[in-house]
Every structure is written in C-alpha cells, then in structure tokens.
C-alpha cells in the first residue's frame, strides 16, 4: 500500500468492525486483516469492477470469507450494528458529506470517522462541525508530491473553528505536521492570487465577494506568524 492508505489504516483501533466506503481494490481491509485487526471488515463500492478486484485480491491473500464485500452507494447497505469505524477516502469533501448526510443511522451509536478528502476539505470540516462531530486529529501526508489531508472525528462538541482553519484544519491539531508550513504557504499564495484576480476582473459582483477571501487570507497569515513564534 502507498503512504496515504497506510496512514489511513494507522488510525484504526481494534473494535467491533470497520467499513471502507469506496474500497476500490480492497487494500485497506486486506491490510487490516493481515495485520491483526480482529473485528468485522466490510468493503463497499458503488462500482462492480473494482469490488470484484477487491474480492480477487482478498482470495489471493488467503482471506476469502474474512472480508464482506458490498455493492452499494455509500453506506446505504452497511450493517451498522457490526461496525464502529467508518473510512471514506479518495473522494471530494462534498461527496463525503453527501454520503454521511444520507446515513440515517449515523447518530445511533458513537462511530469513529476516518476521512480523506481529495478536494473541498473545508466543506467537509464545516459539515462535521455543524453536525456535532468533534475533529480529533488532523494529519498531512505527502505522497509522490501530493498532499493528502486525513481527518478523524467522533460525535462531540466541535468547539470554535476559524474560517481559515476550515482550510487547514484546527491549528492545535495540525501545527506539528512536518508538511504544514509548506501547505500553509501554498494556501496563502492561492488565496492571494484569487483575490487579485477577483479585484482585476472589473466586475462589481465579483469584487464584492472579495471580503470573505480576504478574511481567510488574513487568518492564514496570522497562523503563519503564530507558527513561526511556536517554532522558536
């Protein structure tokens, strides 16, 4: 497995069971089974071809019958009484929100969420905060030149989060990541270019929307100063 998937798997603790949504080739459930995880393992995917590949990979690994493979959209067919951990990785943050939103049993037990959005992580964090989930950890992984954000959350008090932290993750949780300074610089550059482009557009309706981006950029710069002070 690559570094991204290994890091996701590292957040799993032994328990009742794990479902890996959008499992693709079943790498994470297979890895967990091979490395001592004792609970139920469920792999789901909306597409049959990758799910079939996951079944074949499990057979080749000598794990036939150890992992349950489900052809379904998101969590709709997941036997929630058999799990306590939900992994959703490799999708856009808005797509992950949609899956969680449609899961009516999400609040019946205290499920741990391990989420890895490919895009729109700010939308995902906003959803978690506004649906009474506490973000417990934030991790940045760099694999082949790409940054991946891995978020874990459980039901609880979300606390206060700034607009800038919706894009970076809560400062106290992410500040010690070795990749955070570089990620922060990229965000500052991206928001700076976006604001310049909006102001140069000459369109009053576009220029009027600069305010929120400027507020986020200010928050990111303050975070950079804070990080410099903390690293002294």
C-alpha atoms as a PDB file:
ATOM      1  CA  UNK A   1       0.000   0.000   0.000  1.00  0.00           C
ATOM      2  CA  UNK A   2       1.060   3.582  -0.538  1.00  0.00           C
ATOM      3  CA  UNK A   3       1.793   6.037   2.258  1.00  0.00           C
ATOM      4  CA  UNK A   4      -1.676   7.607   2.077  1.00  0.00           C
ATOM      5  CA  UNK A   5      -3.504   4.313   2.637  1.00  0.00           C
ATOM      6  CA  UNK A   6      -1.061   3.173   5.315  1.00  0.00           C
ATOM      7  CA  UNK A   7      -1.654   6.389   7.255  1.00  0.00           C
ATOM      8  CA  UNK A   8      -5.424   5.978   6.984  1.00  0.00           C
ATOM      9  CA  UNK A   9      -5.156   2.393   8.252  1.00  0.00           C
ATOM     10  CA  UNK A  10      -2.961   3.523  11.159  1.00  0.00           C
ATOM     11  CA  UNK A  11      -5.936   5.387  12.658  1.00  0.00           C
ATOM     12  CA  UNK A  12      -7.993   2.190  13.017  1.00  0.00           C
ATOM     13  CA  UNK A  13      -8.215   0.705  16.506  1.00  0.00           C
ATOM     14  CA  UNK A  14      -9.413  -2.793  17.301  1.00  0.00           C
ATOM     15  CA  UNK A  15     -13.146  -2.846  17.872  1.00  0.00           C
ATOM     16  CA  UNK A  16     -16.492  -4.076  16.627  1.00  0.00           C
ATOM     17  CA  UNK A  17     -15.811  -3.516  12.950  1.00  0.00           C
ATOM     18  CA  UNK A  18     -14.709  -1.265  10.082  1.00  0.00           C
ATOM     19  CA  UNK A  19     -16.390  -0.341   6.817  1.00  0.00           C
ATOM     20  CA  UNK A  20     -14.231   1.026   3.999  1.00  0.00           C
ATOM     21  CA  UNK A  21     -16.501   3.027   1.684  1.00  0.00           C
ATOM     22  CA  UNK A  22     -15.342   3.248  -1.924  1.00  0.00           C
ATOM     23  CA  UNK A  23     -12.875   0.479  -1.164  1.00  0.00           C
ATOM     24  CA  UNK A  24     -11.635   0.255  -4.750  1.00  0.00           C
ATOM     25  CA  UNK A  25      -9.341  -2.812  -4.701  1.00  0.00           C
ATOM     26  CA  UNK A  26      -9.887  -3.592  -1.035  1.00  0.00           C
ATOM     27  CA  UNK A  27      -6.371  -2.636   0.022  1.00  0.00           C
ATOM     28  CA  UNK A  28      -7.228  -1.222   3.451  1.00  0.00           C
ATOM     29  CA  UNK A  29      -9.459  -4.103   4.675  1.00  0.00           C
ATOM     30  CA  UNK A  30      -6.912  -6.621   3.386  1.00  0.00           C
ATOM     31  CA  UNK A  31      -4.089  -4.785   5.159  1.00  0.00           C
ATOM     32  CA  UNK A  32      -6.068  -4.667   8.416  1.00  0.00           C
ATOM     33  CA  UNK A  33      -6.858  -8.385   8.223  1.00  0.00           C
ATOM     34  CA  UNK A  34      -3.197  -9.195   7.602  1.00  0.00           C
ATOM     35  CA  UNK A  35      -2.033  -7.045  10.496  1.00  0.00           C
ATOM     36  CA  UNK A  36      -4.083  -8.354  13.379  1.00  0.00           C
ATOM     37  CA  UNK A  37      -7.376  -6.492  13.231  1.00  0.00           C
ATOM     38  CA  UNK A  38      -9.938  -8.733  14.934  1.00  0.00           C
ATOM     39  CA  UNK A  39     -13.259  -7.003  14.246  1.00  0.00           C
ATOM     40  CA  UNK A  40     -15.628  -7.244  11.305  1.00  0.00           C
ATOM     41  CA  UNK A  41     -14.291  -5.987   7.982  1.00  0.00           C
ATOM     42  CA  UNK A  42     -16.647  -4.627   5.338  1.00  0.00           C
ATOM     43  CA  UNK A  43     -15.646  -3.211   1.969  1.00  0.00           C
ATOM     44  CA  UNK A  44     -18.197  -1.329  -0.123  1.00  0.00           C
ATOM     45  CA  UNK A  45     -18.100   0.241  -3.561  1.00  0.00           C
ATOM     46  CA  UNK A  46     -20.667   1.672  -5.949  1.00  0.00           C
ATOM     47  CA  UNK A  47     -18.956   0.033  -8.933  1.00  0.00           C
ATOM     48  CA  UNK A  48     -18.772  -3.701  -9.525  1.00  0.00           C
ATOM     49  CA  UNK A  49     -15.407  -3.867 -11.350  1.00  0.00           C
ATOM     50  CA  UNK A  50     -13.217  -2.516  -8.504  1.00  0.00           C
ATOM     51  CA  UNK A  51     -15.220  -4.511  -5.965  1.00  0.00           C
ATOM     52  CA  UNK A  52     -14.567  -7.686  -7.973  1.00  0.00           C
ATOM     53  CA  UNK A  53     -10.870  -6.823  -7.988  1.00  0.00           C
ATOM     54  CA  UNK A  54     -11.014  -6.440  -4.203  1.00  0.00           C
ATOM     55  CA  UNK A  55     -12.611  -9.880  -3.887  1.00  0.00           C
ATOM     56  CA  UNK A  56      -9.856 -11.357  -6.083  1.00  0.00           C
ATOM     57  CA  UNK A  57      -7.160  -9.623  -4.026  1.00  0.00           C
ATOM     58  CA  UNK A  58      -8.649 -10.990  -0.805  1.00  0.00           C
ATOM     59  CA  UNK A  59      -8.663 -14.518  -2.244  1.00  0.00           C
ATOM     60  CA  UNK A  60      -5.040 -14.190  -3.353  1.00  0.00           C
ATOM     61  CA  UNK A  61      -4.145 -13.055   0.171  1.00  0.00           C
ATOM     62  CA  UNK A  62      -5.839 -16.129   1.648  1.00  0.00           C
ATOM     63  CA  UNK A  63      -8.589 -14.022   3.209  1.00  0.00           C
ATOM     64  CA  UNK A  64     -11.632 -15.454   1.479  1.00  0.00           C
ATOM     65  CA  UNK A  65     -14.590 -15.078   3.826  1.00  0.00           C
ATOM     66  CA  UNK A  66     -12.744 -12.723   6.190  1.00  0.00           C
ATOM     67  CA  UNK A  67     -13.974  -9.554   4.445  1.00  0.00           C
ATOM     68  CA  UNK A  68     -17.577  -8.843   3.415  1.00  0.00           C
ATOM     69  CA  UNK A  69     -17.833  -7.039   0.061  1.00  0.00           C
ATOM     70  CA  UNK A  70     -20.918  -4.912  -0.603  1.00  0.00           C
ATOM     71  CA  UNK A  71     -22.037  -3.403  -3.901  1.00  0.00           C
ATOM     72  CA  UNK A  72     -23.816  -0.265  -2.743  1.00  0.00           C
ATOM     73  CA  UNK A  73     -23.904   3.517  -2.849  1.00  0.00           C
ATOM     74  CA  UNK A  74     -22.045   4.883   0.155  1.00  0.00           C
ATOM     75  CA  UNK A  75     -23.300   3.382   3.405  1.00  0.00           C
ATOM     76  CA  UNK A  76     -26.839   2.534   2.317  1.00  0.00           C
ATOM     77  CA  UNK A  77     -26.481  -1.263   2.717  1.00  0.00           C
ATOM     78  CA  UNK A  78     -23.949  -1.296   5.527  1.00  0.00           C
ATOM     79  CA  UNK A  79     -24.953  -3.405   8.571  1.00  0.00           C
ATOM     80  CA  UNK A  80     -24.155  -0.639  11.045  1.00  0.00           C
ATOM     81  CA  UNK A  81     -24.597  -2.880  14.083  1.00  0.00           C
ATOM     82  CA  UNK A  82     -21.410  -4.698  13.024  1.00  0.00           C
ATOM     83  CA  UNK A  83     -19.119  -1.655  12.870  1.00  0.00           C
ATOM     84  CA  UNK A  84     -17.816   1.224  14.960  1.00  0.00           C
ATOM     85  CA  UNK A  85     -15.433   2.801  12.433  1.00  0.00           C
ATOM     86  CA  UNK A  86     -16.196   4.339   9.043  1.00  0.00           C
ATOM     87  CA  UNK A  87     -13.464   5.013   6.480  1.00  0.00           C
ATOM     88  CA  UNK A  88     -14.273   7.218   3.488  1.00  0.00           C
ATOM     89  CA  UNK A  89     -11.214   8.115   1.438  1.00  0.00           C
ATOM     90  CA  UNK A  90     -10.265   9.263  -2.036  1.00  0.00           C
ATOM     91  CA  UNK A  91     -13.408  11.326  -2.736  1.00  0.00           C
ATOM     92  CA  UNK A  92     -14.249  15.010  -2.800  1.00  0.00           C
ATOM     93  CA  UNK A  93     -15.209  16.546   0.515  1.00  0.00           C
ATOM     94  CA  UNK A  94     -18.669  17.392  -0.828  1.00  0.00           C
ATOM     95  CA  UNK A  95     -19.185  13.773  -1.916  1.00  0.00           C
ATOM     96  CA  UNK A  96     -18.194  12.536   1.554  1.00  0.00           C
ATOM     97  CA  UNK A  97     -20.673  14.992   3.104  1.00  0.00           C
ATOM     98  CA  UNK A  98     -23.406  13.615   0.843  1.00  0.00           C
ATOM     99  CA  UNK A  99     -22.697  10.041   1.946  1.00  0.00           C
ATOM    100  CA  UNK A 100     -22.777  10.998   5.626  1.00  0.00           C
ATOM    101  CA  UNK A 101     -25.894  13.119   5.157  1.00  0.00           C
ATOM    102  CA  UNK A 102     -27.807  10.193   3.679  1.00  0.00           C
ATOM    103  CA  UNK A 103     -26.827   7.839   6.519  1.00  0.00           C
ATOM    104  CA  UNK A 104     -29.803   7.923   8.857  1.00  0.00           C
ATOM    105  CA  UNK A 105     -28.231   5.612  11.447  1.00  0.00           C
ATOM    106  CA  UNK A 106     -25.067   7.714  11.800  1.00  0.00           C
ATOM    107  CA  UNK A 107     -26.154   9.031  15.199  1.00  0.00           C
ATOM    108  CA  UNK A 108     -27.447   5.740  16.641  1.00  0.00           C
ATOM    109  CA  UNK A 109     -24.006   4.862  18.018  1.00  0.00           C
ATOM    110  CA  UNK A 110     -20.718   6.650  18.511  1.00  0.00           C
ATOM    111  CA  UNK A 111     -18.980   5.953  15.227  1.00  0.00           C
ATOM    112  CA  UNK A 112     -15.406   6.993  14.551  1.00  0.00           C
ATOM    113  CA  UNK A 113     -14.943   8.635  11.162  1.00  0.00           C
ATOM    114  CA  UNK A 114     -11.647   8.407   9.270  1.00  0.00           C
ATOM    115  CA  UNK A 115     -11.945  10.711   6.270  1.00  0.00           C
ATOM    116  CA  UNK A 116      -9.554  11.614   3.487  1.00  0.00           C
ATOM    117  CA  UNK A 117     -10.987  14.223   1.124  1.00  0.00           C
ATOM    118  CA  UNK A 118      -9.260  14.755  -2.217  1.00  0.00           C
ATOM    119  CA  UNK A 119     -10.814  18.222  -2.609  1.00  0.00           C
ATOM    120  CA  UNK A 120     -13.063  20.637  -0.708  1.00  0.00           C
ATOM    121  CA  UNK A 121     -11.838  19.672   2.739  1.00  0.00           C
ATOM    122  CA  UNK A 122     -13.239  22.980   4.011  1.00  0.00           C
ATOM    123  CA  UNK A 123     -16.770  21.830   3.103  1.00  0.00           C
ATOM    124  CA  UNK A 124     -16.209  18.554   4.954  1.00  0.00           C
ATOM    125  CA  UNK A 125     -14.922  20.275   8.100  1.00  0.00           C
ATOM    126  CA  UNK A 126     -17.856  22.679   8.003  1.00  0.00           C
ATOM    127  CA  UNK A 127     -20.255  19.727   7.769  1.00  0.00           C
ATOM    128  CA  UNK A 128     -18.610  17.914  10.683  1.00  0.00           C
ATOM    129  CA  UNK A 129     -18.673  20.986  12.910  1.00  0.00           C
ATOM    130  CA  UNK A 130     -22.305  21.746  12.100  1.00  0.00           C
ATOM    131  CA  UNK A 131     -23.413  18.154  12.624  1.00  0.00           C
ATOM    132  CA  UNK A 132     -21.983  17.793  16.142  1.00  0.00           C
ATOM    133  CA  UNK A 133     -18.762  15.964  15.323  1.00  0.00           C
ATOM    134  CA  UNK A 134     -15.535  16.753  17.119  1.00  0.00           C
ATOM    135  CA  UNK A 135     -12.423  16.611  14.947  1.00  0.00           C
ATOM    136  CA  UNK A 136      -9.923  14.622  16.993  1.00  0.00           C
ATOM    137  CA  UNK A 137      -6.934  14.606  14.679  1.00  0.00           C
ATOM    138  CA  UNK A 138      -5.604  16.192  11.506  1.00  0.00           C
ATOM    139  CA  UNK A 139      -2.749  14.700   9.527  1.00  0.00           C
ATOM    140  CA  UNK A 140      -0.950  15.791   6.371  1.00  0.00           C
ATOM    141  CA  UNK A 141       0.656  13.104   4.243  1.00  0.00           C
ATOM    142  CA  UNK A 142       2.803  13.816   1.224  1.00  0.00           C
ATOM    143  CA  UNK A 143       2.929  11.037  -1.338  1.00  0.00           C
ATOM    144  CA  UNK A 144       4.599  11.464  -4.736  1.00  0.00           C
ATOM    145  CA  UNK A 145       4.391  15.254  -4.499  1.00  0.00           C
ATOM    146  CA  UNK A 146       0.729  15.440  -3.491  1.00  0.00           C
ATOM    147  CA  UNK A 147      -0.596  16.473  -0.074  1.00  0.00           C
ATOM    148  CA  UNK A 148      -3.381  14.390   1.453  1.00  0.00           C
ATOM    149  CA  UNK A 149      -5.400  15.515   4.468  1.00  0.00           C
ATOM    150  CA  UNK A 150      -6.602  12.814   6.848  1.00  0.00           C
ATOM    151  CA  UNK A 151      -9.282  13.784   9.360  1.00  0.00           C
ATOM    152  CA  UNK A 152     -10.635  11.713  12.226  1.00  0.00           C
ATOM    153  CA  UNK A 153     -13.813  12.720  14.027  1.00  0.00           C
ATOM    154  CA  UNK A 154     -16.247  11.408  16.631  1.00  0.00           C
ATOM    155  CA  UNK A 155     -19.591  12.713  17.933  1.00  0.00           C
ATOM    156  CA  UNK A 156     -18.983  15.503  20.403  1.00  0.00           C
ATOM    157  CA  UNK A 157     -18.504  19.198  20.976  1.00  0.00           C
ATOM    158  CA  UNK A 158     -16.925  20.682  17.852  1.00  0.00           C
ATOM    159  CA  UNK A 159     -15.749  23.861  19.580  1.00  0.00           C
ATOM    160  CA  UNK A 160     -14.802  27.024  17.702  1.00  0.00           C
ATOM    161  CA  UNK A 161     -13.102  26.918  14.317  1.00  0.00           C
ATOM    162  CA  UNK A 162     -11.996  29.964  12.326  1.00  0.00           C
ATOM    163  CA  UNK A 163     -12.720  30.366   8.618  1.00  0.00           C
ATOM    164  CA  UNK A 164      -9.020  29.837   7.896  1.00  0.00           C
ATOM    165  CA  UNK A 165      -8.975  26.622   9.927  1.00  0.00           C
ATOM    166  CA  UNK A 166     -11.695  25.169   7.703  1.00  0.00           C
ATOM    167  CA  UNK A 167      -8.985  25.022   5.022  1.00  0.00           C
ATOM    168  CA  UNK A 168      -6.012  24.000   7.171  1.00  0.00           C
ATOM    169  CA  UNK A 169      -7.562  22.027   9.984  1.00  0.00           C
ATOM    170  CA  UNK A 170      -7.531  23.248  13.575  1.00  0.00           C
ATOM    171  CA  UNK A 171      -4.203  24.860  14.271  1.00  0.00           C
ATOM    172  CA  UNK A 172      -3.502  22.963  17.505  1.00  0.00           C
ATOM    173  CA  UNK A 173      -4.093  19.645  15.734  1.00  0.00           C
ATOM    174  CA  UNK A 174      -2.072  20.308  12.585  1.00  0.00           C
ATOM    175  CA  UNK A 175       0.733  22.652  13.672  1.00  0.00           C
ATOM    176  CA  UNK A 176       3.226  19.869  14.370  1.00  0.00           C
ATOM    177  CA  UNK A 177       2.899  18.240  10.955  1.00  0.00           C
ATOM    178  CA  UNK A 178       6.193  18.444   9.084  1.00  0.00           C
ATOM    179  CA  UNK A 179       4.305  19.423   5.922  1.00  0.00           C
ATOM    180  CA  UNK A 180       2.132  22.113   7.498  1.00  0.00           C
ATOM    181  CA  UNK A 181       4.436  25.095   6.770  1.00  0.00           C
ATOM    182  CA  UNK A 182       4.557  24.233   3.063  1.00  0.00           C
ATOM    183  CA  UNK A 183       0.821  23.589   2.919  1.00  0.00           C
ATOM    184  CA  UNK A 184       0.174  26.916   4.654  1.00  0.00           C
ATOM    185  CA  UNK A 185       2.378  28.793   2.166  1.00  0.00           C
ATOM    186  CA  UNK A 186       0.501  27.227  -0.748  1.00  0.00           C
ATOM    187  CA  UNK A 187      -2.847  28.274   0.691  1.00  0.00           C
ATOM    188  CA  UNK A 188      -1.624  31.826   1.290  1.00  0.00           C
ATOM    189  CA  UNK A 189      -0.397  32.007  -2.312  1.00  0.00           C
ATOM    190  CA  UNK A 190      -3.619  30.550  -3.672  1.00  0.00           C
ATOM    191  CA  UNK A 191      -5.876  32.959  -1.784  1.00  0.00           C
ATOM    192  CA  UNK A 192      -3.634  35.900  -2.684  1.00  0.00           C
ATOM    193  CA  UNK A 193      -3.884  35.094  -6.399  1.00  0.00           C
ATOM    194  CA  UNK A 194      -7.636  34.546  -6.136  1.00  0.00           C
ATOM    195  CA  UNK A 195      -8.174  37.933  -4.501  1.00  0.00           C
ATOM    196  CA  UNK A 196      -6.006  39.693  -7.088  1.00  0.00           C
ATOM    197  CA  UNK A 197      -7.906  38.034  -9.906  1.00  0.00           C
ATOM    198  CA  UNK A 198     -11.261  38.997  -8.407  1.00  0.00           C
ATOM    199  CA  UNK A 199     -10.214  42.617  -7.980  1.00  0.00           C
ATOM    200  CA  UNK A 200      -8.814  42.769 -11.529  1.00  0.00           C
ATOM    201  CA  UNK A 201     -11.974  41.312 -13.025  1.00  0.00           C
ATOM    202  CA  UNK A 202     -13.621  44.711 -13.116  1.00  0.00           C
ATOM    203  CA  UNK A 203     -16.938  43.127 -12.195  1.00  0.00           C
ATOM    204  CA  UNK A 204     -18.611  44.699  -9.158  1.00  0.00           C
ATOM    205  CA  UNK A 205     -20.425  41.444  -8.297  1.00  0.00           C
ATOM    206  CA  UNK A 206     -17.108  39.551  -8.213  1.00  0.00           C
ATOM    207  CA  UNK A 207     -15.216  42.281  -6.363  1.00  0.00           C
ATOM    208  CA  UNK A 208     -17.952  42.420  -3.728  1.00  0.00           C
ATOM    209  CA  UNK A 209     -17.204  38.785  -2.850  1.00  0.00           C
ATOM    210  CA  UNK A 210     -13.553  39.512  -2.020  1.00  0.00           C
ATOM    211  CA  UNK A 211     -14.317  40.150   1.634  1.00  0.00           C
ATOM    212  CA  UNK A 212     -14.570  36.549   2.811  1.00  0.00           C
ATOM    213  CA  UNK A 213     -11.407  35.570   0.905  1.00  0.00           C
ATOM    214  CA  UNK A 214      -9.528  38.494   2.423  1.00  0.00           C
ATOM    215  CA  UNK A 215     -10.695  37.427   5.884  1.00  0.00           C
ATOM    216  CA  UNK A 216      -9.454  33.879   5.261  1.00  0.00           C
ATOM    217  CA  UNK A 217      -6.137  35.156   3.890  1.00  0.00           C
ATOM    218  CA  UNK A 218      -5.664  37.309   6.988  1.00  0.00           C
ATOM    219  CA  UNK A 219      -6.338  34.276   9.167  1.00  0.00           C
ATOM    220  CA  UNK A 220      -3.805  32.203   7.239  1.00  0.00           C
ATOM    221  CA  UNK A 221      -1.144  34.893   7.597  1.00  0.00           C
ATOM    222  CA  UNK A 222      -1.818  35.168  11.317  1.00  0.00           C
ATOM    223  CA  UNK A 223      -1.476  31.405  11.529  1.00  0.00           C
ATOM    224  CA  UNK A 224       1.888  31.631   9.769  1.00  0.00           C
ATOM    225  CA  UNK A 225       3.113  34.219  12.292  1.00  0.00           C
ATOM    226  CA  UNK A 226       1.883  32.086  15.155  1.00  0.00           C
ATOM    227  CA  UNK A 227       3.635  29.055  13.739  1.00  0.00           C
ATOM    228  CA  UNK A 228       6.906  30.979  13.444  1.00  0.00           C
ATOM    229  CA  UNK A 229       6.647  32.017  17.076  1.00  0.00           C
ATOM    230  CA  UNK A 230       5.832  28.467  18.211  1.00  0.00           C
ATOM    231  CA  UNK A 231       8.833  27.077  16.316  1.00  0.00           C
ATOM    232  CA  UNK A 232      11.339  29.412  18.019  1.00  0.00           C
END
